[in-house]
Amino acid sequence: MFGRTPKQPIDSLFEAVDIDRKTNQASKEYLDQLRNRLKHSHEVAKQYADTARDKQKSEYDKKAKAA
């Protein structure tokens, strides 16, 4: 299709399709960048969750009464 041989998911397991080194390198770089972006977004989300949790705890503690 469009001058390229389509690659099926099963082909990566058996390496039945001859892969260009440029394509393979580009996909490895993409996966590395994707992992880094996902890790960064996870860290940012964790920071926001921690901040929200601390704020909610302090508001709860203001109104809480001893039993």
N, C-alpha and C. Protein backbone atom coordinates (compact mmCIF):
# COMPACT_ATOMS: atom_id res chain seq x y z
N MET A 1 0.85 -1.17 0.00
CA MET A 1 0.00 0.00 0.00
C MET A 1 0.90 1.23 0.00
N PHE A 2 0.66 2.14 -0.90
CA PHE A 2 1.44 3.38 -1.03
C PHE A 2 2.93 3.09 -1.19
N GLY A 3 3.27 2.02 -1.89
CA GLY A 3 4.66 1.71 -2.16
C GLY A 3 5.38 1.00 -1.03
N ARG A 4 4.68 0.63 0.02
CA ARG A 4 5.30 -0.08 1.14
C ARG A 4 4.60 -1.40 1.37
N THR A 5 5.31 -2.32 1.95
CA THR A 5 4.72 -3.60 2.31
C THR A 5 4.12 -3.47 3.69
N PRO A 6 2.83 -3.76 3.85
CA PRO A 6 2.21 -3.61 5.18
C PRO A 6 2.78 -4.63 6.16
N LYS A 7 2.93 -4.21 7.39
CA LYS A 7 3.46 -5.07 8.44
C LYS A 7 2.33 -5.45 9.38
N GLN A 8 2.13 -6.72 9.57
CA GLN A 8 1.10 -7.21 10.46
C GLN A 8 1.69 -7.39 11.86
N PRO A 9 0.87 -7.34 12.90
CA PRO A 9 1.38 -7.52 14.27
C PRO A 9 2.08 -8.87 14.46
N ILE A 10 1.58 -9.90 13.80
CA ILE A 10 2.19 -11.22 13.95
C ILE A 10 3.58 -11.27 13.32
N ASP A 11 3.82 -10.40 12.32
CA ASP A 11 5.11 -10.40 11.65
C ASP A 11 6.24 -9.99 12.59
N SER A 12 5.95 -9.15 13.57
CA SER A 12 6.99 -8.74 14.50
C SER A 12 7.43 -9.91 15.38
N LEU A 13 6.53 -10.86 15.61
CA LEU A 13 6.90 -12.02 16.40
C LEU A 13 7.81 -12.96 15.62
N PHE A 14 7.48 -13.16 14.37
CA PHE A 14 8.23 -14.11 13.57
C PHE A 14 9.24 -13.45 12.64
N GLU A 15 9.22 -12.13 12.59
CA GLU A 15 10.10 -11.36 11.71
C GLU A 15 10.02 -11.87 10.28
N ALA A 16 8.81 -12.09 9.83
CA ALA A 16 8.60 -12.60 8.48
C ALA A 16 8.79 -11.52 7.43
N VAL A 17 8.50 -10.28 7.79
CA VAL A 17 8.64 -9.18 6.85
C VAL A 17 10.00 -8.53 7.05
N ASP A 18 10.70 -8.28 5.96
CA ASP A 18 12.00 -7.63 6.05
C ASP A 18 11.79 -6.15 6.41
N ILE A 19 12.32 -5.74 7.54
CA ILE A 19 12.11 -4.39 8.05
C ILE A 19 13.33 -3.53 7.71
N ASP A 20 13.06 -2.33 7.22
CA ASP A 20 14.16 -1.39 6.99
C ASP A 20 14.74 -0.97 8.33
N ARG A 21 16.04 -0.76 8.35
CA ARG A 21 16.68 -0.36 9.59
C ARG A 21 16.22 1.03 10.03
N LYS A 22 15.96 1.91 9.07
CA LYS A 22 15.49 3.26 9.40
C LYS A 22 14.13 3.19 10.09
N THR A 23 13.24 2.39 9.56
CA THR A 23 11.91 2.26 10.14
C THR A 23 12.01 1.65 11.53
N ASN A 24 12.84 0.65 11.69
CA ASN A 24 13.00 -0.01 12.97
C ASN A 24 13.58 0.96 13.99
N GLN A 25 14.58 1.74 13.58
CA GLN A 25 15.19 2.71 14.49
C GLN A 25 14.19 3.80 14.86
N ALA A 26 13.43 4.26 13.88
CA ALA A 26 12.44 5.29 14.14
C ALA A 26 11.39 4.79 15.13
N SER A 27 10.97 3.54 14.99
CA SER A 27 9.95 3.03 15.90
C SER A 27 10.53 2.85 17.30
N LYS A 28 11.80 2.47 17.42
CA LYS A 28 12.43 2.36 18.75
C LYS A 28 12.53 3.73 19.40
N GLU A 29 12.92 4.74 18.62
CA GLU A 29 13.00 6.10 19.17
C GLU A 29 11.62 6.58 19.60
N TYR A 30 10.61 6.28 18.78
CA TYR A 30 9.24 6.68 19.12
C TYR A 30 8.80 6.03 20.42
N LEU A 31 9.07 4.73 20.57
CA LEU A 31 8.68 4.04 21.79
C LEU A 31 9.40 4.60 23.01
N ASP A 32 10.69 4.93 22.87
CA ASP A 32 11.42 5.53 23.98
C ASP A 32 10.84 6.88 24.36
N GLN A 33 10.52 7.69 23.34
CA GLN A 33 9.92 9.00 23.62
C GLN A 33 8.54 8.84 24.25
N LEU A 34 7.78 7.87 23.77
CA LEU A 34 6.45 7.63 24.32
C LEU A 34 6.54 7.21 25.79
N ARG A 35 7.47 6.33 26.10
CA ARG A 35 7.65 5.90 27.50
C ARG A 35 8.02 7.10 28.38
N ASN A 36 8.92 7.95 27.88
CA ASN A 36 9.32 9.12 28.66
C ASN A 36 8.15 10.07 28.88
N ARG A 37 7.36 10.29 27.83
CA ARG A 37 6.20 11.18 27.97
C ARG A 37 5.18 10.61 28.94
N LEU A 38 4.93 9.30 28.87
CA LEU A 38 3.99 8.67 29.78
C LEU A 38 4.48 8.73 31.22
N LYS A 39 5.78 8.51 31.41
CA LYS A 39 6.36 8.59 32.75
C LYS A 39 6.21 10.00 33.30
N HIS A 40 6.49 11.00 32.46
CA HIS A 40 6.39 12.39 32.89
C HIS A 40 4.94 12.74 33.24
N SER A 41 3.99 12.33 32.40
CA SER A 41 2.58 12.63 32.68
C SER A 41 2.11 11.93 33.95
N HIS A 42 2.62 10.73 34.21
CA HIS A 42 2.28 10.02 35.44
C HIS A 42 2.81 10.77 36.66
N GLU A 43 4.04 11.29 36.57
CA GLU A 43 4.62 12.05 37.68
C GLU A 43 3.83 13.33 37.94
N VAL A 44 3.44 14.03 36.87
CA VAL A 44 2.67 15.27 37.03
C VAL A 44 1.31 14.96 37.67
N ALA A 45 0.65 13.92 37.21
CA ALA A 45 -0.65 13.54 37.77
C ALA A 45 -0.50 13.17 39.24
N LYS A 46 0.57 12.48 39.59
CA LYS A 46 0.82 12.10 40.99
C LYS A 46 1.02 13.34 41.85
N GLN A 47 1.75 14.33 41.33
CA GLN A 47 1.97 15.56 42.09
C GLN A 47 0.65 16.27 42.35
N TYR A 48 -0.20 16.38 41.34
CA TYR A 48 -1.50 17.02 41.51
C TYR A 48 -2.38 16.24 42.48
N ALA A 49 -2.34 14.93 42.42
CA ALA A 49 -3.13 14.12 43.33
C ALA A 49 -2.64 14.28 44.76
N ASP A 50 -1.32 14.33 44.95
CA ASP A 50 -0.76 14.53 46.29
C ASP A 50 -1.16 15.89 46.85
N THR A 51 -1.09 16.93 46.00
CA THR A 51 -1.47 18.28 46.43
C THR A 51 -2.95 18.32 46.82
N ALA A 52 -3.80 17.72 46.01
CA ALA A 52 -5.23 17.69 46.29
C ALA A 52 -5.52 16.91 47.57
N ARG A 53 -4.83 15.79 47.76
CA ARG A 53 -5.03 14.98 48.96
C ARG A 53 -4.65 15.76 50.21
N ASP A 54 -3.52 16.46 50.17
CA ASP A 54 -3.08 17.25 51.32
C ASP A 54 -4.07 18.37 51.63
N LYS A 55 -4.58 19.01 50.59
CA LYS A 55 -5.55 20.08 50.80
C LYS A 55 -6.84 19.54 51.41
N GLN A 56 -7.31 18.40 50.90
CA GLN A 56 -8.54 17.80 51.44
C GLN A 56 -8.35 17.37 52.89
N LYS A 57 -7.17 16.85 53.22
CA LYS A 57 -6.90 16.43 54.59
C LYS A 57 -6.89 17.63 55.53
N SER A 58 -6.26 18.71 55.10
CA SER A 58 -6.22 19.88 55.98
C SER A 58 -7.62 20.46 56.19
N GLU A 59 -8.44 20.48 55.15
CA GLU A 59 -9.81 20.97 55.30
C GLU A 59 -10.62 20.04 56.21
N TYR A 60 -10.42 18.75 56.09
CA TYR A 60 -11.13 17.79 56.94
C TYR A 60 -10.69 17.97 58.40
N ASP A 61 -9.39 18.12 58.62
CA ASP A 61 -8.86 18.25 59.95
C ASP A 61 -9.36 19.52 60.64
N LYS A 62 -9.65 20.56 59.89
CA LYS A 62 -10.17 21.80 60.47
C LYS A 62 -11.55 21.56 61.08
N LYS A 63 -12.36 20.73 60.45
CA LYS A 63 -13.74 20.52 60.88
C LYS A 63 -13.93 19.28 61.76
N ALA A 64 -12.92 18.43 61.83
CA ALA A 64 -13.04 17.17 62.57
C ALA A 64 -13.04 17.44 64.06
N LYS A 65 -13.83 16.66 64.77
CA LYS A 65 -13.88 16.77 66.23
C LYS A 65 -13.50 15.43 66.83
N ALA A 66 -12.89 15.47 67.99
CA ALA A 66 -12.50 14.24 68.66
C ALA A 66 -13.73 13.47 69.08
N ALA A 67 -13.65 12.17 69.05
CA ALA A 67 -14.80 11.32 69.38
C ALA A 67 -15.01 11.26 70.87
